[in-house]
Amino acid sequence: MSGMREQIEEHMEVVGSCGMHVGTVDHMEGDRIKLTKGDDPDGGGHHHYLPLTAIARVEGGRVVLTMNHEEALRARTM
C-alpha cells in the first residue's frame, strides 16, 4: 500500500473500478486521498476524502479504486 501512496500525485483522476470518474486528487493527507473541492457533488465546495485502503492500483496517470464509482461516492468522508 505504501508503494501506491508514493505514486499518487496532485491532479490525478480518481476512478471507480468501473472506470467512472469519482474525483481528482488535491493531495495526500495521512492515510487518505483528499479530493478537490470541484468534485463536491453537493456544490458546497467541500473537500472529501477516500482511504488508501480503497485503492486497487495506480496506472495510466489515474488512481483506480477497489469499488465502483457509486460505492466510492457513498464511501467518501468530509
N, C-alpha and C. Protein backbone atom coordinates (compact mmCIF):
# COMPACT_ATOMS: atom_id res chain seq x y z
N MET A 1 0.83 -1.20 0.00
CA MET A 1 0.00 0.00 0.00
C MET A 1 0.86 1.25 0.00
N SER A 2 1.96 1.24 0.75
CA SER A 2 2.79 2.44 0.82
C SER A 2 3.41 2.74 -0.54
N GLY A 3 3.70 1.73 -1.35
CA GLY A 3 4.25 1.95 -2.67
C GLY A 3 3.28 2.71 -3.57
N MET A 4 1.99 2.42 -3.43
CA MET A 4 0.99 3.14 -4.20
C MET A 4 0.90 4.59 -3.76
N ARG A 5 1.02 4.81 -2.46
CA ARG A 5 0.92 6.17 -1.92
C ARG A 5 1.92 7.08 -2.60
N GLU A 6 3.15 6.61 -2.80
CA GLU A 6 4.18 7.42 -3.43
C GLU A 6 3.91 7.68 -4.91
N GLN A 7 3.08 6.87 -5.53
CA GLN A 7 2.75 7.04 -6.95
C GLN A 7 1.64 8.07 -7.18
N ILE A 8 0.91 8.39 -6.13
CA ILE A 8 -0.23 9.30 -6.26
C ILE A 8 0.27 10.74 -6.29
N GLU A 9 -0.18 11.48 -7.30
CA GLU A 9 0.23 12.86 -7.47
C GLU A 9 -0.99 13.78 -7.54
N GLU A 10 -0.76 15.05 -7.23
CA GLU A 10 -1.83 16.04 -7.33
C GLU A 10 -2.39 16.04 -8.75
N HIS A 11 -3.70 16.27 -8.84
CA HIS A 11 -4.44 16.40 -10.09
C HIS A 11 -4.64 15.09 -10.85
N MET A 12 -4.28 13.95 -10.24
CA MET A 12 -4.60 12.67 -10.87
C MET A 12 -6.10 12.44 -10.77
N GLU A 13 -6.66 11.83 -11.80
CA GLU A 13 -8.06 11.46 -11.75
C GLU A 13 -8.22 10.22 -10.88
N VAL A 14 -9.30 10.18 -10.10
CA VAL A 14 -9.65 9.02 -9.30
C VAL A 14 -10.90 8.42 -9.93
N VAL A 15 -10.82 7.14 -10.26
CA VAL A 15 -11.95 6.46 -10.91
C VAL A 15 -12.33 5.21 -10.13
N GLY A 16 -13.59 4.85 -10.25
CA GLY A 16 -14.05 3.61 -9.64
C GLY A 16 -13.56 2.41 -10.45
N SER A 17 -13.79 1.23 -9.92
CA SER A 17 -13.37 0.01 -10.62
C SER A 17 -14.07 -0.12 -11.97
N CYS A 18 -15.17 0.60 -12.13
CA CYS A 18 -15.93 0.59 -13.37
C CYS A 18 -15.37 1.57 -14.40
N GLY A 19 -14.40 2.39 -13.98
CA GLY A 19 -13.79 3.37 -14.87
C GLY A 19 -14.44 4.74 -14.83
N MET A 20 -15.51 4.92 -14.07
CA MET A 20 -16.22 6.20 -13.99
C MET A 20 -15.52 7.14 -13.00
N HIS A 21 -15.56 8.43 -13.32
CA HIS A 21 -14.92 9.48 -12.52
C HIS A 21 -15.52 9.56 -11.11
N VAL A 22 -14.63 9.61 -10.12
CA VAL A 22 -15.03 9.80 -8.72
C VAL A 22 -14.55 11.15 -8.23
N GLY A 23 -13.35 11.55 -8.64
CA GLY A 23 -12.81 12.82 -8.19
C GLY A 23 -11.42 13.07 -8.76
N THR A 24 -10.80 14.11 -8.25
CA THR A 24 -9.45 14.49 -8.64
C THR A 24 -8.63 14.68 -7.37
N VAL A 25 -7.43 14.15 -7.36
CA VAL A 25 -6.56 14.25 -6.17
C VAL A 25 -6.17 15.71 -5.94
N ASP A 26 -6.45 16.21 -4.75
CA ASP A 26 -5.94 17.50 -4.32
C ASP A 26 -4.53 17.27 -3.77
N HIS A 27 -4.46 16.37 -2.78
CA HIS A 27 -3.18 15.92 -2.24
C HIS A 27 -3.43 14.78 -1.25
N MET A 28 -2.35 14.19 -0.78
CA MET A 28 -2.44 13.13 0.22
C MET A 28 -2.44 13.78 1.60
N GLU A 29 -3.26 13.25 2.47
CA GLU A 29 -3.33 13.74 3.84
C GLU A 29 -3.32 12.52 4.75
N GLY A 30 -2.15 12.19 5.28
CA GLY A 30 -2.02 10.99 6.09
C GLY A 30 -2.30 9.75 5.27
N ASP A 31 -3.28 8.96 5.71
CA ASP A 31 -3.62 7.72 5.00
C ASP A 31 -4.89 7.89 4.16
N ARG A 32 -5.13 9.14 3.71
CA ARG A 32 -6.32 9.42 2.91
C ARG A 32 -5.96 10.26 1.69
N ILE A 33 -6.77 10.10 0.65
CA ILE A 33 -6.67 10.96 -0.53
C ILE A 33 -7.66 12.09 -0.33
N LYS A 34 -7.18 13.31 -0.40
CA LYS A 34 -8.05 14.47 -0.32
C LYS A 34 -8.42 14.85 -1.75
N LEU A 35 -9.73 14.88 -2.02
CA LEU A 35 -10.21 15.22 -3.36
C LEU A 35 -10.43 16.73 -3.46
N THR A 36 -10.34 17.25 -4.68
CA THR A 36 -10.53 18.69 -4.89
C THR A 36 -11.97 19.10 -4.57
N LYS A 37 -12.13 20.36 -4.21
CA LYS A 37 -13.47 20.90 -3.91
C LYS A 37 -14.38 20.86 -5.13
N GLY A 38 -13.79 20.96 -6.29
CA GLY A 38 -14.58 20.94 -7.52
C GLY A 38 -15.34 19.65 -7.74
N ASP A 39 -14.98 18.61 -7.01
CA ASP A 39 -15.65 17.31 -7.14
C ASP A 39 -16.74 17.11 -6.10
N ASP A 40 -17.08 18.17 -5.35
CA ASP A 40 -18.14 18.08 -4.36
C ASP A 40 -19.48 17.99 -5.08
N PRO A 41 -20.16 16.83 -5.02
CA PRO A 41 -21.41 16.68 -5.77
C PRO A 41 -22.53 17.57 -5.26
N ASP A 42 -22.40 18.07 -4.04
CA ASP A 42 -23.42 18.93 -3.46
C ASP A 42 -23.21 20.39 -3.87
N GLY A 43 -22.11 20.66 -4.56
CA GLY A 43 -21.83 22.02 -4.97
C GLY A 43 -21.43 22.93 -3.82
N GLY A 44 -21.15 22.33 -2.66
CA GLY A 44 -20.84 23.10 -1.47
C GLY A 44 -19.38 23.50 -1.36
N GLY A 45 -18.57 23.04 -2.29
CA GLY A 45 -17.16 23.42 -2.24
C GLY A 45 -16.42 22.82 -1.07
N HIS A 46 -16.77 21.60 -0.70
CA HIS A 46 -16.09 20.91 0.40
C HIS A 46 -15.13 19.86 -0.15
N HIS A 47 -14.05 19.65 0.59
CA HIS A 47 -13.15 18.55 0.25
C HIS A 47 -13.76 17.26 0.78
N HIS A 48 -13.58 16.19 0.04
CA HIS A 48 -13.96 14.86 0.50
C HIS A 48 -12.71 13.99 0.49
N TYR A 49 -12.76 12.88 1.22
CA TYR A 49 -11.61 12.02 1.40
C TYR A 49 -11.97 10.57 1.11
N LEU A 50 -10.97 9.85 0.63
CA LEU A 50 -11.08 8.40 0.45
C LEU A 50 -9.87 7.75 1.12
N PRO A 51 -10.06 6.62 1.79
CA PRO A 51 -8.93 5.96 2.44
C PRO A 51 -8.02 5.27 1.43
N LEU A 52 -6.74 5.19 1.75
CA LEU A 52 -5.79 4.49 0.89
C LEU A 52 -6.19 3.04 0.68
N THR A 53 -6.88 2.46 1.64
CA THR A 53 -7.29 1.06 1.53
C THR A 53 -8.29 0.85 0.39
N ALA A 54 -8.87 1.94 -0.14
CA ALA A 54 -9.82 1.83 -1.24
C ALA A 54 -9.13 1.76 -2.60
N ILE A 55 -7.81 1.89 -2.63
CA ILE A 55 -7.07 1.92 -3.89
C ILE A 55 -6.72 0.51 -4.35
N ALA A 56 -7.08 0.19 -5.58
CA ALA A 56 -6.71 -1.09 -6.18
C ALA A 56 -5.34 -0.98 -6.83
N ARG A 57 -5.15 0.14 -7.58
CA ARG A 57 -3.88 0.33 -8.29
C ARG A 57 -3.78 1.77 -8.78
N VAL A 58 -2.57 2.14 -9.15
CA VAL A 58 -2.31 3.42 -9.80
C VAL A 58 -1.73 3.09 -11.16
N GLU A 59 -2.42 3.50 -12.23
CA GLU A 59 -1.94 3.17 -13.57
C GLU A 59 -2.44 4.21 -14.57
N GLY A 60 -1.63 4.46 -15.57
CA GLY A 60 -2.02 5.37 -16.63
C GLY A 60 -2.35 6.77 -16.14
N GLY A 61 -1.70 7.21 -15.07
CA GLY A 61 -1.96 8.54 -14.53
C GLY A 61 -3.26 8.67 -13.78
N ARG A 62 -3.86 7.53 -13.42
CA ARG A 62 -5.13 7.52 -12.68
C ARG A 62 -5.04 6.63 -11.46
N VAL A 63 -5.82 6.98 -10.46
CA VAL A 63 -5.97 6.16 -9.26
C VAL A 63 -7.25 5.34 -9.47
N VAL A 64 -7.11 4.02 -9.46
CA VAL A 64 -8.25 3.13 -9.67
C VAL A 64 -8.64 2.52 -8.32
N LEU A 65 -9.90 2.62 -7.99
CA LEU A 65 -10.39 2.14 -6.69
C LEU A 65 -10.85 0.69 -6.75
N THR A 66 -11.01 0.10 -5.57
CA THR A 66 -11.48 -1.29 -5.46
C THR A 66 -12.99 -1.37 -5.59
N MET A 67 -13.68 -0.24 -5.60
CA MET A 67 -15.14 -0.20 -5.65
C MET A 67 -15.59 0.63 -6.86
N ASN A 68 -16.80 0.42 -7.29
CA ASN A 68 -17.30 1.21 -8.42
C ASN A 68 -17.57 2.64 -7.98
N HIS A 69 -17.87 3.51 -8.92
CA HIS A 69 -18.00 4.94 -8.60
C HIS A 69 -19.15 5.22 -7.65
N GLU A 70 -20.26 4.49 -7.75
CA GLU A 70 -21.39 4.72 -6.84
C GLU A 70 -21.01 4.37 -5.41
N GLU A 71 -20.33 3.25 -5.23
CA GLU A 71 -19.88 2.86 -3.89
C GLU A 71 -18.88 3.87 -3.35
N ALA A 72 -17.99 4.34 -4.20
CA ALA A 72 -16.96 5.31 -3.78
C ALA A 72 -17.59 6.63 -3.36
N LEU A 73 -18.58 7.07 -4.09
CA LEU A 73 -19.25 8.33 -3.73
C LEU A 73 -19.92 8.22 -2.37
N ARG A 74 -20.47 7.05 -2.06
CA ARG A 74 -21.08 6.84 -0.74
C ARG A 74 -20.03 6.70 0.36
N ALA A 75 -18.84 6.19 0.00
CA ALA A 75 -17.78 5.91 0.99
C ALA A 75 -16.97 7.16 1.36
N ARG A 76 -17.07 8.22 0.55
CA ARG A 76 -16.27 9.42 0.83
C ARG A 76 -16.67 10.04 2.16
N THR A 77 -15.70 10.63 2.81
CA THR A 77 -15.96 11.33 4.07
C THR A 77 -15.54 12.78 3.92
N MET A 78 -16.02 13.61 4.81
CA MET A 78 -15.63 15.02 4.81
C MET A 78 -14.59 15.25 5.88
